[in-house]
Protein backbone atom coordinates (compact mmCIF):
# COMPACT_ATOMS: atom_id res chain seq x y z
CA MET A 1 -1.01 -23.20 -17.58
CA THR A 2 -2.27 -22.26 -14.00
CA LYS A 3 -5.29 -20.82 -12.45
CA ALA A 4 -5.80 -17.10 -12.31
CA ILE A 5 -8.36 -14.07 -11.91
CA ARG A 6 -8.74 -12.30 -15.22
CA ILE A 7 -11.02 -8.94 -16.16
CA HIS A 8 -11.82 -9.06 -19.53
CA GLU A 9 -13.86 -5.58 -19.13
CA THR A 10 -13.63 -3.14 -16.52
CA GLY A 11 -16.04 -2.61 -14.13
CA GLY A 12 -17.16 -3.87 -10.30
CA PRO A 13 -16.41 -6.90 -8.48
CA ASP A 14 -18.33 -9.19 -10.98
CA VAL A 15 -15.95 -8.75 -14.08
CA LEU A 16 -13.01 -10.57 -11.94
CA THR A 17 -12.95 -14.23 -13.55
CA TRP A 18 -11.65 -17.42 -12.12
CA GLU A 19 -10.29 -18.86 -15.23
CA ASP A 20 -7.31 -21.08 -17.27
CA VAL A 21 -4.35 -18.86 -17.88
CA ASP A 22 -1.44 -20.33 -19.84
CA VAL A 23 1.84 -19.23 -18.26
CA ALA A 24 5.12 -19.08 -20.91
CA ARG A 25 8.73 -20.31 -20.12
CA PRO A 26 10.29 -17.37 -19.01
CA GLY A 27 12.26 -15.21 -21.45
CA PRO A 28 16.52 -14.72 -21.35
CA ASP A 29 16.00 -12.17 -17.76
CA GLN A 30 12.38 -13.75 -16.67
CA VAL A 31 11.93 -15.54 -13.49
CA ARG A 32 8.60 -17.86 -13.41
CA ILE A 33 7.47 -18.00 -9.44
CA ARG A 34 4.88 -20.36 -8.06
CA GLN A 35 3.16 -18.21 -5.57
CA SER A 36 2.26 -19.18 -2.30
CA ALA A 37 0.55 -15.78 -1.13
CA VAL A 38 -1.65 -12.56 -2.80
CA GLY A 39 -1.74 -9.55 -1.67
CA LEU A 40 -5.05 -7.03 -2.29
CA ASN A 41 -4.70 -3.55 -2.43
CA TYR A 42 -6.36 -0.56 -3.65
CA ILE A 43 -4.90 -0.07 -6.25
CA ASP A 44 -6.16 -3.46 -7.25
CA VAL A 45 -9.80 -1.67 -7.77
CA TYR A 46 -7.82 0.80 -9.58
CA LEU A 47 -7.41 -1.39 -12.49
CA ARG A 48 -10.24 -3.00 -12.05
CA THR A 49 -12.71 -0.21 -12.41
CA GLY A 50 -10.03 1.71 -14.60
CA LEU A 51 -9.73 4.39 -12.80
CA TYR A 52 -5.86 3.02 -13.97
CA PRO A 53 -5.71 2.52 -17.46
CA LEU A 54 -4.55 -1.25 -18.38
CA PRO A 55 -2.22 -1.79 -21.95
CA GLU A 56 -4.13 -4.20 -22.77
CA LEU A 57 -7.40 -6.77 -21.89
CA PRO A 58 -8.50 -9.16 -20.77
CA ALA A 59 -5.23 -8.94 -18.05
CA VAL A 60 -4.77 -10.72 -14.38
CA ILE A 61 -4.38 -8.00 -12.14
CA GLY A 62 -2.92 -7.72 -8.73
CA MET A 63 0.38 -6.19 -8.06
CA GLU A 64 2.14 -7.84 -5.17
CA GLY A 65 3.02 -11.29 -3.73
CA ALA A 66 5.46 -14.37 -2.89
CA GLY A 67 6.54 -17.60 -3.66
CA VAL A 68 8.92 -19.86 -4.69
CA VAL A 69 11.35 -19.28 -8.56
CA GLU A 70 10.19 -22.37 -10.67
CA GLU A 71 12.36 -21.43 -13.29
CA THR A 72 14.72 -18.64 -14.49
CA GLY A 73 15.71 -17.01 -18.09
CA ALA A 74 19.10 -17.82 -19.18
CA GLU A 75 20.65 -14.58 -18.54
CA VAL A 76 19.59 -14.15 -15.04
CA THR A 77 21.94 -14.84 -12.48
CA GLU A 78 20.59 -13.71 -9.63
CA PHE A 79 18.03 -15.98 -8.60
CA LYS A 80 17.72 -19.64 -9.09
CA PRO A 81 14.43 -22.41 -8.64
CA GLY A 82 14.19 -22.86 -5.11
CA ASP A 83 14.78 -19.53 -4.10
CA ARG A 84 11.99 -17.44 -2.15
CA VAL A 85 11.08 -14.41 -3.41
CA CYS A 86 8.93 -11.39 -3.38
CA TYR A 87 8.00 -8.11 -5.10
CA PRO A 88 5.71 -4.87 -5.21
CA MET A 89 4.07 -3.15 -8.09
CA ASN A 90 4.11 -5.66 -10.33
CA VAL A 91 0.97 -6.39 -11.92
CA GLY A 92 -0.10 -9.40 -13.21
CA GLY A 93 -0.21 -11.26 -9.29
CA TYR A 94 -3.82 -12.54 -9.46
CA ALA A 95 -1.96 -15.90 -10.46
CA GLY A 96 -1.10 -19.42 -9.51
CA GLU A 97 2.53 -19.20 -10.76
CA ARG A 98 3.12 -16.15 -12.67
CA LEU A 99 6.66 -14.81 -14.94
CA ILE A 100 8.03 -11.78 -13.74
CA ASP A 101 10.98 -9.57 -14.66
CA ALA A 102 14.10 -10.66 -12.61
CA GLY A 103 14.74 -6.73 -12.30
CA ARG A 104 11.94 -6.47 -10.65
CA LEU A 105 11.97 -9.36 -7.75
CA LEU A 106 13.50 -9.55 -4.93
CA HIS A 107 14.98 -12.32 -2.40
CA LEU A 108 12.32 -12.82 1.27
CA PRO A 109 14.74 -13.03 3.64
CA ASP A 110 14.48 -15.69 6.62
CA GLY A 111 12.21 -14.34 9.28
CA ILE A 112 9.82 -13.52 6.81
CA GLY A 113 7.14 -16.15 5.64
CA ASP A 114 5.36 -16.07 2.29
CA THR A 115 1.85 -14.37 3.70
CA GLN A 116 3.40 -11.80 5.42
CA ALA A 117 5.41 -10.62 2.61
CA ALA A 118 2.59 -10.68 0.60
CA ALA A 119 1.14 -8.78 3.44
CA MET A 120 3.59 -5.88 3.23
CA MET A 121 5.61 -5.77 0.01
CA LEU A 122 3.22 -2.96 -1.66
CA LYS A 123 1.83 -1.38 1.56
CA GLY A 124 5.53 -1.12 3.54
CA MET A 125 7.10 0.15 0.86
CA THR A 126 4.70 2.83 0.72
CA ALA A 127 5.17 3.62 4.21
CA HIS A 128 9.30 3.69 3.33
CA TYR A 129 8.81 6.71 0.45
CA LEU A 130 6.12 8.50 2.71
CA LEU A 131 8.42 8.95 5.86
CA ARG A 132 11.65 8.33 4.49
CA ARG A 133 11.29 10.04 1.04
CA THR A 134 8.40 12.37 0.55
CA TYR A 135 8.61 13.95 4.03
CA ARG A 136 11.33 12.86 6.16
CA VAL A 137 9.65 12.27 9.21
CA GLN A 138 12.06 14.03 12.74
CA PRO A 139 11.22 13.47 16.57
CA GLY A 140 8.52 14.85 17.42
CA ASP A 141 6.63 16.06 14.70
CA PRO A 142 3.05 15.28 14.88
CA VAL A 143 1.84 13.44 11.87
CA LEU A 144 -1.70 12.87 10.55
CA VAL A 145 -2.67 9.14 9.29
CA TYR A 146 -5.83 8.48 7.29
CA ALA A 147 -7.43 5.30 6.86
CA ALA A 148 -5.21 4.50 9.99
CA ALA A 149 -6.36 0.81 10.83
CA GLY A 150 -5.62 -0.26 7.21
CA GLY A 151 -2.75 -2.49 5.69
CA VAL A 152 -0.73 0.90 4.68
CA GLY A 153 -1.87 2.82 7.49
CA LEU A 154 -1.15 0.19 10.61
CA ILE A 155 2.38 0.07 9.18
CA LEU A 156 2.37 4.03 8.68
CA CYS A 157 1.65 4.11 12.18
CA GLN A 158 4.18 1.99 13.77
CA TRP A 159 6.64 3.09 11.62
CA ALA A 160 6.47 6.92 12.03
CA LYS A 161 6.27 6.27 16.41
CA HIS A 162 9.43 4.61 15.58
CA LEU A 163 10.90 7.84 14.34
CA GLY A 164 9.54 9.08 17.29
CA ALA A 165 6.70 11.22 15.78
CA THR A 166 3.43 11.90 17.45
CA VAL A 167 1.05 9.88 15.53
CA ILE A 168 -2.79 10.81 14.86
CA GLY A 169 -4.77 8.29 13.34
CA CYS A 170 -8.34 8.85 11.32
CA VAL A 171 -10.66 6.30 11.63
CA GLY A 172 -13.84 5.02 11.09
CA SER A 173 -15.10 3.16 14.12
CA ALA A 174 -14.11 2.72 17.87
CA GLU A 175 -13.18 -0.77 16.60
CA LYS A 176 -10.70 0.69 14.13
CA ALA A 177 -9.64 3.24 16.61
CA ALA A 178 -8.28 0.45 19.71
CA LEU A 179 -6.68 -1.15 16.28
CA ALA A 180 -4.61 2.12 15.61
CA ARG A 181 -3.57 2.71 19.00
CA ALA A 182 -2.48 -0.51 19.77
CA HIS A 183 0.11 -0.25 16.88
CA GLY A 184 1.69 2.87 17.39
CA CYS A 185 -1.72 5.71 17.64
CA ASP A 186 -1.29 8.22 19.63
CA HIS A 187 -4.62 9.69 18.68
CA ALA A 188 -7.48 8.66 16.79
CA ILE A 189 -10.01 10.25 15.39
CA LEU A 190 -12.96 9.37 14.25
CA TYR A 191 -13.34 11.41 10.87
CA ASP A 192 -17.13 10.76 10.83
CA GLN A 193 -18.34 11.91 14.00
CA GLU A 194 -15.78 14.60 14.36
CA SER A 195 -13.63 17.81 12.57
CA VAL A 196 -10.69 16.29 11.88
CA PRO A 197 -8.97 19.91 11.32
CA GLU A 198 -10.66 20.93 15.12
CA ARG A 199 -9.15 17.86 16.96
CA VAL A 200 -5.92 18.09 15.34
CA ARG A 201 -5.81 21.89 16.67
CA GLU A 202 -6.81 20.50 19.78
CA ILE A 203 -4.23 17.43 20.44
CA THR A 204 -1.28 20.09 18.58
CA GLY A 205 -2.02 23.10 21.03
CA GLY A 206 -3.21 24.71 17.78
CA GLU A 207 -0.28 24.50 15.89
CA GLY A 208 -1.22 21.61 13.35
CA VAL A 209 0.27 18.74 12.31
CA ALA A 210 4.14 18.76 10.18
CA VAL A 211 2.66 16.19 7.22
CA ALA A 212 -1.17 14.60 6.28
CA TYR A 213 -0.52 10.88 4.76
CA ASP A 214 -3.98 11.13 2.92
CA ALA A 215 -4.89 7.99 0.96
CA VAL A 216 -8.54 8.86 0.85
CA GLY A 217 -8.32 11.76 -1.63
CA LYS A 218 -11.66 13.72 -2.36
CA ALA A 219 -13.57 13.75 0.50
CA THR A 220 -10.27 14.32 3.06
CA PHE A 221 -8.52 16.63 0.62
CA GLU A 222 -9.63 19.89 2.48
CA ALA A 223 -9.36 18.79 6.12
CA SER A 224 -5.94 17.48 5.64
CA LEU A 225 -4.50 20.83 3.99
CA ASP A 226 -6.75 22.62 7.50
CA SER A 227 -5.07 20.24 9.17
CA LEU A 228 -1.66 21.39 8.65
CA ARG A 229 0.92 24.40 10.13
CA PRO A 230 2.49 26.53 8.35
CA PHE A 231 5.20 25.01 5.67
CA GLY A 232 3.31 21.49 6.27
CA VAL A 233 3.14 18.91 3.94
CA MET A 234 0.25 17.46 2.55
CA VAL A 235 0.54 14.00 0.97
CA SER A 236 -1.97 12.70 -0.99
CA PHE A 237 -1.16 9.22 -1.70
CA GLY A 238 -4.83 7.14 -3.37
CA GLY A 239 -7.87 7.98 -3.70
CA ALA A 240 -10.33 5.93 -1.65
CA SER A 241 -12.78 8.26 -2.10
CA GLY A 242 -12.05 9.48 -5.40
CA PRO A 243 -9.53 11.52 -6.98
CA VAL A 244 -9.18 15.18 -5.51
CA GLU A 245 -11.17 17.61 -7.32
CA PRO A 246 -8.89 20.28 -9.29
CA PHE A 247 -8.02 22.68 -7.05
CA SER A 248 -5.62 26.94 -7.04
CA PRO A 249 -2.77 26.76 -5.81
CA ALA A 250 -3.37 30.31 -4.59
CA ILE A 251 -5.38 28.50 -1.20
CA LEU A 252 -1.71 27.07 -0.44
CA SER A 253 -0.63 30.50 0.21
CA SER A 254 -3.55 31.77 2.57
CA LYS A 255 -3.63 28.35 3.82
CA GLY A 256 0.30 29.35 5.82
CA SER A 257 2.76 28.41 2.62
CA LEU A 258 1.69 25.19 2.57
CA TYR A 259 3.52 21.91 0.19
CA VAL A 260 0.92 19.81 -1.87
CA THR A 261 2.67 16.39 -3.50
CA ARG A 262 1.27 13.06 -5.16
CA PRO A 263 3.51 10.51 -5.27
CA THR A 264 3.42 6.79 -6.48
CA LEU A 265 5.15 3.86 -5.10
CA ALA A 266 5.99 3.30 -9.24
CA THR A 267 7.96 5.92 -9.36
CA HIS A 268 9.57 5.39 -6.35
CA THR A 269 10.77 1.71 -7.48
CA ALA A 270 11.65 2.73 -10.49
CA THR A 271 15.06 1.62 -10.85
CA ARG A 272 16.38 -1.63 -9.59
CA LYS A 273 18.51 0.62 -6.87
CA LEU A 274 15.44 2.29 -5.55
CA LEU A 275 13.50 -1.28 -5.33
CA LEU A 276 16.63 -2.59 -2.70
CA GLU A 277 16.68 0.74 -0.62
CA GLY A 278 12.91 0.70 0.57
CA ALA A 279 12.80 -3.38 0.57
CA GLU A 280 15.71 -3.64 2.41
CA ALA A 281 14.77 -0.71 4.83
CA LEU A 282 11.61 -2.58 5.73
CA PHE A 283 12.91 -5.99 6.00
CA ASP A 284 15.01 -4.04 9.00
CA VAL A 285 12.36 -2.34 10.83
CA VAL A 286 10.11 -5.98 10.48
CA LEU A 287 12.80 -8.54 11.70
CA ALA A 288 13.82 -5.69 14.39
CA GLY A 289 10.02 -5.77 15.25
CA HIS A 290 9.25 -2.11 14.82
CA VAL A 291 7.04 -3.07 12.69
CA LYS A 292 4.38 -6.33 12.92
CA ILE A 293 2.48 -6.96 9.92
CA GLU A 294 -1.63 -6.88 10.40
CA ILE A 295 -3.06 -9.36 8.70
CA GLY A 296 -6.59 -9.06 9.25
CA GLN A 297 -7.83 -11.23 6.95
CA THR A 298 -7.12 -14.11 4.34
CA TYR A 299 -9.16 -15.15 1.31
CA PRO A 300 -8.97 -18.08 -1.03
CA LEU A 301 -7.86 -16.77 -3.88
CA GLU A 302 -10.85 -17.68 -6.65
CA LYS A 303 -13.40 -15.50 -4.05
CA ALA A 304 -11.37 -12.42 -5.01
CA ALA A 305 -14.43 -10.50 -5.94
CA GLN A 306 -15.76 -10.90 -2.48
CA ALA A 307 -12.48 -9.62 -1.02
CA HIS A 308 -12.74 -6.94 -3.03
CA ARG A 309 -16.28 -6.00 -2.40
CA ASP A 310 -14.94 -6.40 1.51
CA LEU A 311 -12.56 -4.12 0.51
CA GLU A 312 -14.79 -1.31 -0.86
CA ALA A 313 -17.19 -1.59 1.91
CA ARG A 314 -14.36 -0.28 4.38
CA LYS A 315 -15.00 -3.95 6.23
CA THR A 316 -11.27 -5.40 6.29
CA THR A 317 -8.30 -4.10 8.68
CA GLY A 318 -4.89 -4.25 8.09
CA SER A 319 -3.25 -6.12 5.09
CA THR A 320 -5.80 -8.35 2.97
CA VAL A 321 -3.65 -11.32 1.08
CA LEU A 322 -4.79 -13.97 -1.40
CA ILE A 323 -4.65 -18.11 -1.31
CA PRO A 324 -4.12 -19.22 -4.45
């Protein structure tokens, strides 16, 4: 038995309930872990509201966490009790203890704490696939990052800067602009007060950016397209303002033979090889000090509803961690 946050129906933050949940013995390929920290991500909101359907209800949501192995299944050889571990993209995280398939689990290296890991795995591996797979950023590339002061955004800005890019970040306030600049952002645009495409053209001498990393969705899609240089890549990887409305591919030709893609971390961690490759790259840049993980706020896990409210109200900065 453990304490967990479950939903019995989809809806607003009030559907998150704090209750006792049974945790079974691990199956042959499973591991039971005791969690010390759980990450909060916007995908948790999508699961809570039903935008991303869950297989069944009630369900424990939450997609990343860190802790210690308590028990392993009979066929598990890579992990043993006492190992420090972490994971991204595995639903069931909002709990004190949980089961997880061994193939989805990662060893947590020395030098990275549990809270830090819970703040960075999903967000950092998202940054990895955006920067190194979806559009492979090269030195000198101008790049546009939306929600630059958020959990993914701060990691994206630092990592892109490390790769030699000129980083243009979109933020919602002067305070967030200062935070983004402190984490590798060369230029900050207040997208509630300024025209993003116009500012991008000013910054890039009329050229536009090589890639736009857009986690906002519906409200910023057109501005992202209009900020690209010819042959530029629009990466829509989130929908905080709602899903992008249908559009005609013909607009991509008239705007400069553009590319649009909608990737997801689920695909980029679908195999053990992909999962390990992304995690190792993330661990490397964090341990080397090129990327620092900014934990903006923590909440007790039982206060997850308030954490969701603050996230949706854009009151949070950096990563948010829930403590069981």
